[in-house]
Amino acid sequence: MVKALIATCALFALVGCSTAKGSFCTIASPIRPSAETVAAMTDAEVRTVLAHNRKGAALCGWKP
C-alpha cells in the first residue's frame, strides 16, 4: 500500500513537470487586464504583467 502511494505521488510529480513545446512567441500572448482588474492587482502582480508584456514586445514584436 505504501509503495503504491509513493509510486502514485512520484507519477503526479513527473506529470506536473512537463512543459509546453515551442518558443515564447508561439505559446505566450499579451496580458491585457481591464482597468478594474489592474485596480485590484497588487504592485507585484502589476510588475509581473509588465515584465511579461515587455518581454513579448522585445522578443515577438507585440504592440501596446
Protein backbone atom coordinates (compact mmCIF):
# COMPACT_ATOMS: atom_id res chain seq x y z
CA MET A 1 0.00 0.00 0.00
CA VAL A 2 2.78 2.44 0.93
CA LYS A 3 4.76 1.58 -2.23
CA ALA A 4 1.67 2.21 -4.38
CA LEU A 5 1.13 5.58 -2.69
CA ILE A 6 4.76 6.58 -3.23
CA ALA A 7 4.61 5.48 -6.88
CA THR A 8 1.41 7.45 -7.43
CA CYS A 9 2.89 10.59 -5.87
CA ALA A 10 6.03 10.23 -7.98
CA LEU A 11 3.93 9.87 -11.12
CA PHE A 12 1.94 13.00 -10.33
CA ALA A 13 5.16 14.91 -9.66
CA LEU A 14 6.60 13.89 -13.02
CA VAL A 15 3.44 14.76 -14.92
CA GLY A 16 3.40 18.20 -13.30
CA CYS A 17 6.92 18.90 -14.57
CA SER A 18 6.07 18.74 -18.26
CA THR A 19 6.49 21.93 -20.22
CA ALA A 20 4.83 23.35 -23.30
CA LYS A 21 6.70 22.88 -26.55
CA GLY A 22 7.63 25.90 -28.64
CA SER A 23 9.18 29.29 -28.31
CA PHE A 24 7.89 32.03 -26.05
CA CYS A 25 6.33 33.78 -29.04
CA THR A 26 4.33 30.71 -30.11
CA ILE A 27 2.96 29.84 -26.68
CA ALA A 28 2.54 33.24 -24.98
CA SER A 29 0.26 36.17 -25.67
CA PRO A 30 -0.01 39.68 -24.26
CA ILE A 31 -1.80 40.10 -20.95
CA ARG A 32 -4.32 42.93 -21.22
CA PRO A 33 -6.26 43.23 -17.96
CA SER A 34 -9.21 45.60 -17.65
CA ALA A 35 -8.90 48.82 -15.64
CA GLU A 36 -10.92 47.22 -12.84
CA THR A 37 -8.56 44.24 -12.72
CA VAL A 38 -5.50 46.49 -12.65
CA ALA A 39 -7.01 48.47 -9.77
CA ALA A 40 -7.41 45.25 -7.77
CA MET A 41 -3.91 43.92 -8.52
CA THR A 42 -1.01 44.13 -6.11
CA ASP A 43 2.14 46.00 -7.08
CA ALA A 44 3.94 42.68 -7.55
CA GLU A 45 1.22 41.41 -9.90
CA VAL A 46 1.40 44.60 -11.96
CA ARG A 47 5.20 44.27 -12.21
CA THR A 48 4.83 40.65 -13.34
CA VAL A 49 2.33 41.55 -16.07
CA LEU A 50 4.50 44.46 -17.24
CA ALA A 51 7.59 42.24 -17.35
CA HIS A 52 5.71 39.62 -19.37
CA ASN A 53 4.41 42.18 -21.85
CA ARG A 54 7.81 43.89 -22.18
CA LYS A 55 9.42 40.52 -22.90
CA GLY A 56 6.83 39.86 -25.58
CA ALA A 57 7.36 43.30 -27.10
CA ALA A 58 11.13 42.75 -27.24
CA LEU A 59 11.09 39.15 -28.49
CA CYS A 60 7.88 38.92 -30.51
CA GLY A 61 7.10 42.47 -31.61
CA TRP A 62 3.91 42.80 -29.55
CA LYS A 63 2.38 46.26 -29.75
CA PRO A 64 0.89 48.01 -26.70
